[in-house]
Amino acid sequence: MKKQTVQYTSPLDALVAVTKRLSAYENQLEMDTEAFYIRYSQGEMGDDRLFVDWANDYRHYLALRQELEERLQNAA
């Protein structure tokens, strides 16, 4: 399966998109993302492609959220 690259015009647009993907993982696997990531980080989830993608999306989500929080603090 070939990965598709998508460019967003703002970090907020990217955050919305990655949040939707995280929600889809949660619904599909009936597990909260934070709980999944803790278990994944401890090696309990294996290295299935779905889990790797979910973990990468969560790391991306955290980075985007951090960036937006910093921008908001600097704007205030």
Protein backbone atom coordinates (compact mmCIF):
# COMPACT_ATOMS: atom_id res chain seq x y z
CA MET A 1 0.00 0.00 0.00
CA LYS A 2 1.48 3.32 -1.08
CA LYS A 3 1.38 6.18 1.42
CA GLN A 4 -0.24 9.38 0.27
CA THR A 5 1.27 12.74 1.21
CA VAL A 6 -1.16 15.49 2.09
CA GLN A 7 -0.16 19.10 2.67
CA TYR A 8 -2.24 21.30 4.95
CA THR A 9 -2.43 25.07 4.88
CA SER A 10 -2.21 25.38 8.65
CA PRO A 11 -1.30 23.34 11.72
CA LEU A 12 -4.94 23.59 12.81
CA ASP A 13 -6.12 21.91 9.59
CA ALA A 14 -3.53 19.17 10.12
CA LEU A 15 -4.63 18.74 13.74
CA VAL A 16 -8.26 18.30 12.70
CA ALA A 17 -7.28 15.70 10.08
CA VAL A 18 -5.08 13.67 12.43
CA THR A 19 -7.72 13.84 15.17
CA LYS A 20 -10.24 12.32 12.76
CA ARG A 21 -7.80 9.49 11.98
CA LEU A 22 -7.22 8.86 15.69
CA SER A 23 -10.97 8.68 16.23
CA ALA A 24 -11.27 6.14 13.42
CA TYR A 25 -8.58 3.94 15.03
CA GLU A 26 -10.37 4.18 18.38
CA ASN A 27 -13.69 3.17 16.86
CA GLN A 28 -12.18 0.34 14.82
CA LEU A 29 -10.20 -1.18 17.70
CA GLU A 30 -12.42 -0.04 20.59
CA MET A 31 -9.51 1.44 22.53
CA ASP A 32 -8.62 4.95 23.63
CA THR A 33 -5.57 6.37 21.82
CA GLU A 34 -3.69 7.25 25.00
CA ALA A 35 -4.24 3.76 26.44
CA PHE A 36 -3.18 2.23 23.14
CA TYR A 37 -0.02 4.33 23.00
CA ILE A 38 1.03 3.38 26.52
CA ARG A 39 0.62 -0.29 25.70
CA TYR A 40 2.31 0.14 22.30
CA SER A 41 5.27 1.95 23.90
CA GLN A 42 5.65 -0.92 26.35
CA GLY A 43 5.79 -3.42 23.49
CA GLU A 44 2.41 -4.99 24.27
CA MET A 45 0.74 -4.31 20.92
CA GLY A 46 3.17 -5.77 18.41
CA ASP A 47 4.34 -4.20 15.17
CA ASP A 48 1.28 -4.58 12.96
CA ARG A 49 1.17 -1.85 10.30
CA LEU A 50 -2.06 -0.49 11.76
CA PHE A 51 -0.44 -0.06 15.17
CA VAL A 52 2.63 1.64 13.71
CA ASP A 53 0.42 4.06 11.76
CA TRP A 54 -1.71 4.74 14.84
CA ALA A 55 1.35 5.43 16.99
CA ASN A 56 2.82 7.73 14.32
CA ASP A 57 -0.45 9.63 14.01
CA TYR A 58 -0.58 10.06 17.78
CA ARG A 59 2.99 11.41 17.89
CA HIS A 60 2.06 13.78 15.05
CA TYR A 61 -1.04 14.86 16.99
CA LEU A 62 1.05 15.62 20.09
CA ALA A 63 3.56 17.65 18.07
CA LEU A 64 0.83 19.65 16.36
CA ARG A 65 -0.93 20.33 19.63
CA GLN A 66 2.35 21.51 21.18
CA GLU A 67 2.99 23.82 18.23
CA LEU A 68 -0.48 25.34 18.44
CA GLU A 69 -0.24 25.82 22.22
CA GLU A 70 3.10 27.62 21.79
CA ARG A 71 1.65 29.86 19.09
CA LEU A 72 -1.30 30.73 21.30
CA GLN A 73 0.96 31.55 24.24
CA ASN A 74 3.14 33.77 22.07
CA ALA A 75 0.09 35.56 20.67
CA ALA A 76 -1.34 36.34 24.10
